[in-house]
């Protein structure tokens, strides 16, 4: 047990102004203060020590007076060595103590701000206002009434760096009432006014929260998803009950032609209860929509399946007629198709089960090398990778399938009860290749952070709480 942070100041005022550091145990408070004072005024530095031995645990906190100073320090110092000969430090924004969460604040959560703007503002006006002094903007969005198309006087701006967003909040005109955009309420809002002010920070249409890598035409709101006048290869599946990506994949892969399936997540990594499905042909998408919309899965939970915009140009009358023809043909097939359960097959245990097409074990947009054999279990481990999974760890067989492709994989180890694990390699080059290829990538709907692990003798597998 360690002592509480010294209460010399309000730890979360302003928000996101406190840093969490993982360092070598030899790093002292003076060393930290000397390096981090370059980025702004420090209110406090606290090195966590063992109560019995008074030795550092290799964990520290740094409290700045401004959020922008803390974010800049994080961006500049993460992965740097404070003292020559020591290991690189890890720097994160510490969770607010009132949040009750033990996970790290993601950079993506610190780059999007919510502002109140004049209803006459265009996206160009919004971008120009917040770009000039504060940094390059990744995108900006004006929230509009989905019925009238009129601006609601609310907007979002996403920057490339957390420090840029924090600087904008601190220095922009007070009339904009800029704050960091965070979901405050995960309860779904009524469909007739999804962008109500009370829910403004939880916009499902934000591309930073639910990105559609195959769409090039902006972002979608729930109003777009519920359109009844479009027929596309892309479907949005909504479920009120808890459902996994593997379950959605297995269900929709019953219709041939599916080439993409991904559960959608909010900025905290929690499932939104929606999945994006894409087929390689229009007919399969129409068939899947008509067969599975309203289907009870799990029992008692009706799935809602809708077509969503896939970025294709539908202004051509010929194109619309072609889609209508395909849709009519598929509806005819649906109506005339024989009913009844799918054929059964005999399992190894002798009990029959529905014949379900075998789905690929690994689903990712990353170009992976061919499979390679595992290294002998008694091989000497020369490099370990530390992997953080969001929202949940992948199964062991999937992890072995993915990480063995870089060669010399000795073992996959998942920390029980945690969303982290270790990949052990017999060759450093294999580990480096895996880290370069997989860091920040999505596999089977799970985002992975892949980093070089600390030496096991210096630091245990247990991660200090960031609060």
Protein backbone atom coordinates (compact mmCIF):
# COMPACT_ATOMS: atom_id res chain seq x y z
CA UNK A 1 0.00 0.00 0.00
CA UNK A 2 1.29 3.44 -0.85
CA UNK A 3 0.45 6.81 0.63
CA UNK A 4 -2.15 9.01 -1.01
CA UNK A 5 -1.05 11.85 -3.27
CA UNK A 6 -0.08 14.89 -1.26
CA UNK A 7 -3.22 17.05 -0.98
CA UNK A 8 -1.39 20.32 -1.56
CA UNK A 9 -3.65 21.15 -4.52
CA UNK A 10 -6.80 20.01 -6.29
CA UNK A 11 -5.51 17.06 -8.27
CA UNK A 12 -8.05 17.33 -11.10
CA UNK A 13 -8.19 21.12 -11.48
CA UNK A 14 -7.89 21.69 -14.34
CA UNK A 15 -8.85 18.29 -15.78
CA UNK A 16 -6.08 16.19 -17.36
CA UNK A 17 -3.29 18.23 -15.77
CA UNK A 18 -1.77 15.30 -13.85
CA UNK A 19 0.71 12.86 -15.38
CA UNK A 20 1.34 9.24 -14.48
CA UNK A 21 4.96 8.09 -14.99
CA UNK A 22 6.53 4.65 -15.11
CA UNK A 23 10.27 5.01 -14.55
CA UNK A 24 13.32 3.20 -13.30
CA UNK A 25 13.40 2.83 -9.53
CA UNK A 26 16.56 4.93 -9.40
CA UNK A 27 14.75 8.04 -10.68
CA UNK A 28 14.27 10.65 -7.93
CA UNK A 29 11.82 13.50 -7.46
CA UNK A 30 14.49 16.09 -8.27
CA UNK A 31 15.34 14.36 -11.56
CA UNK A 32 11.67 14.38 -12.57
CA UNK A 33 11.15 17.99 -11.55
CA UNK A 34 14.25 19.13 -13.43
CA UNK A 35 13.16 17.55 -16.73
CA UNK A 36 9.43 18.24 -16.58
CA UNK A 37 9.67 21.85 -15.39
CA UNK A 38 10.75 22.70 -18.94
CA UNK A 39 7.12 22.33 -20.06
CA UNK A 40 5.42 24.57 -17.52
CA UNK A 41 4.73 25.30 -13.88
CA UNK A 42 4.73 22.17 -11.73
CA UNK A 43 2.48 22.15 -8.68
CA UNK A 44 3.62 18.86 -7.23
CA UNK A 45 5.76 15.78 -7.89
CA UNK A 46 5.14 12.55 -6.04
CA UNK A 47 7.26 9.39 -6.21
CA UNK A 48 5.42 6.31 -4.98
CA UNK A 49 7.51 4.47 -2.37
CA UNK A 50 7.19 1.22 -0.51
CA UNK A 51 5.97 1.89 3.01
CA UNK A 52 8.32 -0.65 4.56
CA UNK A 53 11.58 -0.15 2.65
CA UNK A 54 10.99 3.47 1.53
CA UNK A 55 12.34 2.46 -1.89
CA UNK A 56 10.82 3.86 -5.05
CA UNK A 57 8.34 1.60 -6.84
CA UNK A 58 9.19 3.09 -10.22
CA UNK A 59 5.89 4.98 -10.38
CA UNK A 60 5.44 8.76 -10.07
CA UNK A 61 2.90 11.54 -10.58
CA UNK A 62 3.50 15.08 -11.84
CA UNK A 63 0.83 17.79 -11.40
CA UNK A 64 0.92 20.85 -13.72
CA UNK A 65 -1.05 24.08 -13.45
CA UNK A 66 -2.41 23.70 -17.00
CA UNK A 67 -3.68 20.77 -19.02
CA UNK A 68 -1.81 21.98 -22.12
CA UNK A 69 1.47 21.83 -20.19
CA UNK A 70 0.80 18.28 -19.04
CA UNK A 71 -0.17 17.16 -22.55
CA UNK A 72 2.93 18.74 -24.08
CA UNK A 73 5.12 17.05 -21.48
CA UNK A 74 3.47 13.70 -22.22
CA UNK A 75 4.01 14.09 -25.98
CA UNK A 76 7.64 15.11 -25.60
CA UNK A 77 8.79 12.83 -22.79
CA UNK A 78 7.04 9.51 -23.47
CA UNK A 79 9.69 6.99 -24.46
CA UNK A 80 12.61 9.27 -23.47
CA UNK A 81 15.35 8.51 -20.93
CA UNK A 82 15.48 10.91 -17.98
CA UNK A 83 19.03 9.88 -17.12
CA UNK A 84 21.59 8.23 -19.36
CA UNK A 85 21.73 4.51 -18.76
CA UNK A 86 18.16 4.19 -17.46
CA UNK A 87 15.24 2.68 -19.33
CA UNK A 88 12.84 4.91 -21.33
CA UNK A 89 9.98 6.26 -19.26
CA UNK A 90 6.28 5.87 -19.98
CA UNK A 91 4.10 8.96 -19.60
CA UNK A 92 0.29 9.02 -19.52
CA UNK A 93 -2.43 11.43 -18.49
CA UNK A 94 -3.62 10.11 -15.11
CA UNK A 95 -7.27 9.25 -14.61
CA UNK A 96 -9.32 11.65 -12.52
CA UNK A 97 -9.63 10.22 -9.00
CA UNK A 98 -13.40 10.70 -9.13
CA UNK A 99 -13.74 8.58 -12.29
CA UNK A 100 -13.28 5.26 -10.47
CA UNK A 101 -11.46 3.90 -13.52
CA UNK A 102 -8.02 2.31 -13.42
CA UNK A 103 -7.27 2.44 -17.12
CA UNK A 104 -5.05 4.99 -18.87
CA UNK A 105 -6.59 7.96 -20.63
CA UNK A 106 -6.19 7.36 -24.36
CA UNK A 107 -4.69 10.07 -26.58
CA UNK A 108 -7.79 9.85 -28.79
CA UNK A 109 -9.94 10.99 -25.86
CA UNK A 110 -7.87 14.16 -25.44
CA UNK A 111 -7.94 15.51 -29.01
CA UNK A 112 -11.65 16.22 -29.58
CA UNK A 113 -13.33 19.34 -28.18
CA UNK A 114 -16.99 20.35 -28.02
CA UNK A 115 -17.91 24.00 -28.67
CA UNK A 116 -20.98 26.22 -28.81
CA UNK A 117 -21.02 28.31 -31.99
CA UNK A 118 -23.32 30.73 -33.82
CA UNK A 119 -25.93 28.88 -35.89
CA UNK A 120 -24.68 30.79 -38.94
CA UNK A 121 -21.24 29.12 -38.70
CA UNK A 122 -20.19 26.84 -41.54
CA UNK A 123 -17.63 24.06 -41.16
CA UNK A 124 -15.08 26.33 -42.87
CA UNK A 125 -15.80 29.05 -40.31
CA UNK A 126 -15.39 26.57 -37.47
CA UNK A 127 -12.15 25.20 -38.88
CA UNK A 128 -10.69 28.63 -39.55
CA UNK A 129 -11.56 29.86 -36.04
CA UNK A 130 -9.85 26.98 -34.23
CA UNK A 131 -6.97 26.32 -36.60
CA UNK A 132 -5.17 29.66 -36.74
CA UNK A 133 -3.60 29.71 -33.28
CA UNK A 134 -3.93 26.23 -31.87
CA UNK A 135 -2.70 23.75 -34.49
CA UNK A 136 -3.72 21.63 -37.46
CA UNK A 137 -7.22 20.18 -37.34
CA UNK A 138 -7.99 16.59 -38.33
CA UNK A 139 -11.69 17.33 -38.91
CA UNK A 140 -14.56 19.44 -37.64
CA UNK A 141 -18.29 18.73 -37.47
CA UNK A 142 -21.32 20.97 -37.02
CA UNK A 143 -24.21 19.18 -35.32
CA UNK A 144 -27.39 19.61 -37.34
CA UNK A 145 -31.04 18.76 -36.86
CA UNK A 146 -31.49 15.58 -38.85
CA UNK A 147 -34.98 16.63 -39.99
CA UNK A 148 -34.43 20.25 -41.06
CA UNK A 149 -30.70 20.17 -41.68
CA UNK A 150 -30.28 23.37 -39.65
CA UNK A 151 -27.31 23.89 -37.35
CA UNK A 152 -27.95 23.40 -33.64
CA UNK A 153 -25.18 25.80 -32.72
CA UNK A 154 -22.95 22.95 -31.54
CA UNK A 155 -19.74 21.63 -33.04
CA UNK A 156 -16.83 19.27 -32.64
CA UNK A 157 -13.19 19.89 -33.51
CA UNK A 158 -10.59 17.12 -33.47
CA UNK A 159 -6.91 18.02 -33.38
CA UNK A 160 -3.91 15.82 -34.11
CA UNK A 161 -2.36 16.27 -30.64
CA UNK A 162 -3.81 16.47 -27.12
CA UNK A 163 -1.74 19.60 -26.41
CA UNK A 164 -3.41 21.40 -29.33
CA UNK A 165 -6.89 20.60 -28.03
CA UNK A 166 -5.95 21.65 -24.49
CA UNK A 167 -4.47 24.94 -25.73
CA UNK A 168 -7.63 25.68 -27.71
CA UNK A 169 -9.81 25.08 -24.63
CA UNK A 170 -7.63 27.33 -22.48
CA UNK A 171 -7.21 30.20 -24.94
CA UNK A 172 -10.29 30.40 -27.17
CA UNK A 173 -13.01 33.00 -26.55
CA UNK A 174 -15.16 32.16 -23.54
CA UNK A 175 -18.32 32.50 -25.67
CA UNK A 176 -17.46 29.17 -27.35
CA UNK A 177 -17.60 27.40 -23.96
CA UNK A 178 -15.05 24.88 -25.23
CA UNK A 179 -14.67 21.67 -23.27
CA UNK A 180 -13.10 18.29 -23.89
CA UNK A 181 -15.71 16.12 -25.61
CA UNK A 182 -16.42 13.06 -23.48
CA UNK A 183 -19.49 10.78 -23.35
CA UNK A 184 -21.38 11.74 -20.20
CA UNK A 185 -24.31 9.36 -20.63
CA UNK A 186 -24.22 6.02 -22.41
CA UNK A 187 -28.01 5.55 -22.35
CA UNK A 188 -29.37 5.73 -25.92
CA UNK A 189 -31.25 8.90 -26.70
CA UNK A 190 -34.67 8.98 -28.44
CA UNK A 191 -34.40 8.59 -32.21
CA UNK A 192 -36.35 11.76 -32.88
CA UNK A 193 -33.68 13.99 -31.36
CA UNK A 194 -30.45 12.07 -31.14
CA UNK A 195 -28.30 15.19 -30.99
CA UNK A 196 -29.95 16.67 -27.92
CA UNK A 197 -27.71 19.05 -25.91
CA UNK A 198 -27.59 16.65 -22.95
CA UNK A 199 -26.06 14.01 -25.20
CA UNK A 200 -23.93 16.26 -27.36
CA UNK A 201 -20.62 14.65 -26.41
CA UNK A 202 -21.69 11.13 -27.37
CA UNK A 203 -22.26 11.52 -31.10
CA UNK A 204 -22.21 8.14 -32.81
CA UNK A 205 -21.47 9.88 -36.09
CA UNK A 206 -18.06 11.01 -34.90
CA UNK A 207 -15.55 9.26 -37.16
CA UNK A 208 -13.10 9.18 -34.30
CA UNK A 209 -15.43 6.94 -32.36
CA UNK A 210 -16.89 4.65 -35.01
CA UNK A 211 -14.67 4.75 -38.05
CA UNK A 212 -15.66 3.15 -41.30
CA UNK A 213 -12.41 2.60 -43.18
CA UNK A 214 -14.11 1.77 -46.47
CA UNK A 215 -16.25 4.92 -46.64
CA UNK A 216 -14.79 8.08 -48.12
CA UNK A 217 -17.80 10.37 -47.90
CA UNK A 218 -17.70 11.86 -44.42
CA UNK A 219 -19.49 10.52 -41.40
CA UNK A 220 -22.84 8.93 -40.57
CA UNK A 221 -25.39 9.68 -37.90
CA UNK A 222 -28.08 7.36 -36.74
CA UNK A 223 -30.43 9.29 -38.98
CA UNK A 224 -28.36 8.14 -41.95
CA UNK A 225 -28.40 4.54 -40.75
CA UNK A 226 -32.15 4.41 -40.60
CA UNK A 227 -32.72 5.62 -44.15
CA UNK A 228 -35.24 3.48 -45.99
CA UNK A 229 -34.59 4.83 -49.48
CA UNK A 230 -31.08 3.45 -49.99
CA UNK A 231 -29.96 -0.05 -50.86
CA UNK A 232 -26.24 -0.68 -50.42
CA UNK A 233 -23.70 -3.42 -49.76
CA UNK A 234 -23.22 -2.11 -46.22
CA UNK A 235 -25.43 -2.94 -43.24
CA UNK A 236 -25.63 -1.66 -39.67
CA UNK A 237 -26.73 -4.24 -37.10
CA UNK A 238 -28.12 -2.94 -33.80
CA UNK A 239 -28.69 -5.07 -30.69
CA UNK A 240 -29.96 -4.14 -27.24
CA UNK A 241 -28.54 -7.31 -25.70
CA UNK A 242 -24.83 -8.00 -25.31
CA UNK A 243 -23.43 -9.65 -28.43
CA UNK A 244 -19.85 -10.37 -29.52
CA UNK A 245 -18.20 -9.85 -32.88
CA UNK A 246 -17.73 -13.60 -33.32
CA UNK A 247 -21.47 -14.12 -32.87
CA UNK A 248 -22.34 -11.42 -35.39
CA UNK A 249 -19.74 -12.73 -37.82
CA UNK A 250 -20.98 -16.32 -37.63
CA UNK A 251 -24.59 -15.24 -38.12
CA UNK A 252 -24.08 -12.95 -41.11
CA UNK A 253 -21.47 -15.19 -42.71
CA UNK A 254 -24.31 -17.67 -43.33
CA UNK A 255 -25.06 -15.47 -46.36
CA UNK A 256 -22.18 -15.86 -48.86
CA UNK A 257 -20.20 -12.80 -49.84
CA UNK A 258 -19.45 -11.13 -46.50
CA UNK A 259 -16.01 -9.52 -46.57
CA UNK A 260 -16.07 -7.22 -43.52
CA UNK A 261 -17.51 -7.31 -39.99
CA UNK A 262 -16.62 -5.03 -37.09
CA UNK A 263 -18.29 -4.17 -33.80
CA UNK A 264 -18.48 -0.42 -33.25
CA UNK A 265 -16.99 1.10 -30.09
CA UNK A 266 -17.23 4.43 -28.33
CA UNK A 267 -14.23 6.51 -27.30
CA UNK A 268 -13.86 4.47 -24.07
CA UNK A 269 -13.63 1.21 -25.99
CA UNK A 270 -17.07 -0.05 -24.91
CA UNK A 271 -19.39 -1.65 -27.45
CA UNK A 272 -22.12 0.62 -28.81
CA UNK A 273 -24.32 -2.41 -29.50
CA UNK A 274 -23.85 -1.95 -33.23
CA UNK A 275 -21.87 -3.82 -35.87
CA UNK A 276 -20.85 -2.81 -39.38
CA UNK A 277 -21.29 -5.49 -42.06
CA UNK A 278 -20.12 -5.22 -45.68
CA UNK A 279 -20.81 -7.69 -48.47
CA UNK A 280 -18.98 -7.88 -51.79
CA UNK A 281 -22.24 -7.78 -53.75
CA UNK A 282 -25.56 -6.01 -53.46
CA UNK A 283 -27.66 -9.17 -53.64
CA UNK A 284 -26.14 -10.73 -50.52
CA UNK A 285 -26.65 -7.52 -48.55
CA UNK A 286 -30.31 -7.30 -49.56
CA UNK A 287 -30.85 -10.97 -48.71
CA UNK A 288 -29.15 -10.61 -45.31
CA UNK A 289 -31.18 -7.52 -44.47
CA UNK A 290 -34.51 -9.15 -45.30
CA UNK A 291 -33.67 -12.45 -43.63
CA UNK A 292 -32.10 -11.17 -40.41
CA UNK A 293 -33.86 -7.86 -39.69
CA UNK A 294 -36.05 -8.63 -36.68
CA UNK A 295 -34.40 -12.01 -36.10
CA UNK A 296 -34.28 -12.91 -32.39
CA UNK A 297 -30.68 -13.45 -31.37
CA UNK A 298 -30.02 -14.11 -28.57
CA UNK A 299 -33.56 -15.37 -27.90
CA UNK A 300 -35.79 -12.47 -26.88
CA UNK A 301 -33.53 -9.85 -28.49
CA UNK A 302 -34.61 -8.63 -31.92
CA UNK A 303 -31.78 -7.49 -34.21
CA UNK A 304 -32.34 -4.34 -36.22
CA UNK A 305 -30.61 -4.45 -39.62
CA UNK A 306 -30.52 -1.39 -41.88
CA UNK A 307 -28.69 -0.37 -45.04
CA UNK A 308 -26.23 2.50 -44.59
CA UNK A 309 -24.45 4.72 -47.06
CA UNK A 310 -21.36 3.04 -48.50
CA UNK A 311 -20.06 6.13 -50.29
CA UNK A 312 -21.21 5.05 -53.75
CA UNK A 313 -22.71 7.68 -56.06
CA UNK A 314 -26.44 6.96 -56.47
CA UNK A 315 -27.38 10.06 -58.41
CA UNK A 316 -27.37 8.20 -61.74
CA UNK A 317 -30.90 7.02 -62.69
CA UNK A 318 -29.38 3.98 -64.36
CA UNK A 319 -27.53 3.08 -61.15
CA UNK A 320 -30.70 3.41 -59.06
CA UNK A 321 -32.67 1.29 -61.52
CA UNK A 322 -29.97 -1.40 -61.41
CA UNK A 323 -30.08 -1.48 -57.59
CA UNK A 324 -33.87 -1.69 -57.62
CA UNK A 325 -33.72 -4.57 -60.13
CA UNK A 326 -31.23 -6.51 -57.99
CA UNK A 327 -33.31 -5.82 -54.89
CA UNK A 328 -36.46 -7.06 -56.62
CA UNK A 329 -34.68 -10.22 -57.76
CA UNK A 330 -33.37 -10.92 -54.26
CA UNK A 331 -36.81 -10.28 -52.72
CA UNK A 332 -38.21 -12.85 -55.14
CA UNK A 333 -35.57 -15.34 -54.01
CA UNK A 334 -36.34 -14.60 -50.36
CA UNK A 335 -40.08 -15.05 -50.85
CA UNK A 336 -39.73 -18.27 -52.88
CA UNK A 337 -36.91 -19.83 -50.86
CA UNK A 338 -37.80 -23.03 -49.01
CA UNK A 339 -38.31 -22.54 -45.29
CA UNK A 340 -37.06 -24.74 -42.49
CA UNK A 341 -33.91 -25.20 -40.45
CA UNK A 342 -30.51 -25.51 -42.12
CA UNK A 343 -29.17 -29.00 -42.75
CA UNK A 344 -27.54 -30.76 -39.80
CA UNK A 345 -24.11 -32.27 -39.71
CA UNK A 346 -22.69 -34.89 -37.41
CA UNK A 347 -20.14 -33.62 -34.90
CA UNK A 348 -17.26 -35.49 -33.37
CA UNK A 349 -19.36 -36.18 -30.29
CA UNK A 350 -22.17 -37.66 -32.33
CA UNK A 351 -24.68 -34.84 -31.70
CA UNK A 352 -26.10 -33.00 -34.68
CA UNK A 353 -25.64 -29.26 -35.08
CA UNK A 354 -26.52 -26.73 -37.80
CA UNK A 355 -24.06 -26.60 -40.68
CA UNK A 356 -22.38 -23.23 -40.26
CA UNK A 357 -19.76 -22.10 -42.78
CA UNK A 358 -16.29 -21.97 -41.30
CA UNK A 359 -15.29 -18.33 -40.76
CA UNK A 360 -11.70 -17.12 -40.93
CA UNK A 361 -10.00 -17.19 -37.54
CA UNK A 362 -8.24 -13.85 -38.06
CA UNK A 363 -10.04 -10.82 -39.44
CA UNK A 364 -7.96 -7.70 -39.99
CA UNK A 365 -7.03 -5.14 -42.61
CA UNK A 366 -3.33 -5.62 -41.82
CA UNK A 367 -1.27 -7.51 -44.40
CA UNK A 368 0.07 -10.39 -42.31
CA UNK A 369 3.00 -12.66 -43.27
CA UNK A 370 2.38 -16.40 -43.77
CA UNK A 371 2.02 -18.69 -40.77
CA UNK A 372 5.25 -19.92 -39.16
CA UNK A 373 5.93 -22.65 -36.62
CA UNK A 374 6.31 -21.79 -32.96
CA UNK A 375 9.81 -21.86 -31.50
CA UNK A 376 10.59 -24.76 -29.12
CA UNK A 377 9.13 -24.12 -25.67
CA UNK A 378 12.57 -24.35 -24.06
CA UNK A 379 14.04 -21.64 -26.33
CA UNK A 380 15.75 -18.72 -24.63
CA UNK A 381 13.50 -15.64 -24.66
CA UNK A 382 15.47 -12.69 -26.05
CA UNK A 383 12.62 -10.18 -26.36
CA UNK A 384 9.16 -9.73 -24.86
CA UNK A 385 6.32 -7.59 -26.17
CA UNK A 386 3.72 -6.05 -23.89
CA UNK A 387 0.27 -5.92 -25.52
CA UNK A 388 -2.75 -3.94 -24.34
CA UNK A 389 -6.12 -5.06 -25.71
CA UNK A 390 -9.16 -2.83 -26.10
CA UNK A 391 -11.87 -3.66 -25.16
CA UNK A 392 -11.04 -7.34 -24.38
CA UNK A 393 -8.14 -9.74 -24.99
CA UNK A 394 -8.18 -11.92 -28.08
CA UNK A 395 -8.40 -15.72 -27.64
CA UNK A 396 -5.09 -17.54 -27.20
CA UNK A 397 -5.37 -19.40 -30.52
CA UNK A 398 -5.96 -16.14 -32.41
CA UNK A 399 -2.99 -14.47 -30.70
CA UNK A 400 -0.73 -17.40 -31.56
CA UNK A 401 -2.01 -17.31 -35.14
CA UNK A 402 -1.22 -13.59 -35.47
CA UNK A 403 2.06 -13.27 -33.56
CA UNK A 404 3.66 -16.50 -34.78
CA UNK A 405 3.72 -15.13 -38.33
CA UNK A 406 6.83 -13.09 -37.58
CA UNK A 407 8.83 -16.15 -36.55
CA UNK A 408 10.45 -17.46 -33.33
CA UNK A 409 7.36 -17.02 -31.12
CA UNK A 410 7.98 -18.98 -27.91
CA UNK A 411 4.87 -18.30 -25.84
CA UNK A 412 1.72 -16.18 -25.54
CA UNK A 413 0.89 -15.18 -21.96
CA UNK A 414 -2.32 -13.37 -20.94
CA UNK A 415 -2.44 -11.76 -17.50
CA UNK A 416 -5.51 -13.24 -15.74
CA UNK A 417 -8.30 -10.74 -15.22
CA UNK A 418 -6.52 -7.99 -17.16
CA UNK A 419 -6.70 -6.73 -20.74
CA UNK A 420 -2.94 -7.17 -21.22
CA UNK A 421 -0.54 -9.91 -22.18
CA UNK A 422 3.04 -10.75 -23.19
CA UNK A 423 4.43 -12.22 -26.41
CA UNK A 424 7.77 -13.96 -25.93
CA UNK A 425 10.19 -14.28 -28.85
CA UNK A 426 13.45 -16.13 -29.30
CA UNK A 427 14.71 -13.47 -31.74
CA UNK A 428 14.61 -9.69 -31.29
CA UNK A 429 14.03 -9.07 -35.01
CA UNK A 430 10.83 -11.11 -34.92
CA UNK A 431 9.55 -9.07 -31.99
CA UNK A 432 10.48 -5.80 -33.71
CA UNK A 433 8.67 -6.83 -36.89
CA UNK A 434 5.57 -7.82 -34.92
CA UNK A 435 5.57 -4.53 -33.02
CA UNK A 436 6.02 -2.45 -36.19
CA UNK A 437 3.21 -4.28 -38.00
CA UNK A 438 0.60 -4.69 -35.26
CA UNK A 439 0.90 -1.64 -32.98
CA UNK A 440 -2.37 0.32 -33.06
CA UNK A 441 -4.07 -2.16 -35.41
CA UNK A 442 -7.45 -3.88 -35.15
CA UNK A 443 -7.72 -7.68 -35.17
CA UNK A 444 -11.16 -9.30 -34.88
CA UNK A 445 -12.56 -6.00 -33.63
CA UNK A 446 -9.93 -5.64 -30.89
CA UNK A 447 -7.45 -2.75 -30.95
CA UNK A 448 -3.94 -3.65 -29.82
CA UNK A 449 -1.16 -1.53 -28.40
CA UNK A 450 2.09 -3.44 -28.92
CA UNK A 451 5.14 -2.21 -27.01
CA UNK A 452 8.50 -3.57 -25.93
CA UNK A 453 8.12 -4.98 -22.42
CA UNK A 454 10.30 -3.97 -19.51
CA UNK A 455 12.89 -6.48 -18.32
CA UNK A 456 11.12 -8.93 -15.97
CA UNK A 457 13.69 -8.52 -13.17
CA UNK A 458 13.26 -4.77 -12.93
CA UNK A 459 9.49 -4.55 -12.89
CA UNK A 460 6.74 -7.02 -12.12
CA UNK A 461 3.79 -7.72 -14.38
CA UNK A 462 1.54 -5.79 -12.01
CA UNK A 463 0.61 -2.33 -13.23
CA UNK A 464 0.15 0.48 -10.73
CA UNK A 465 -3.25 2.09 -10.60
CA UNK A 466 -3.38 5.49 -12.29
CA UNK A 467 -5.40 7.33 -9.74
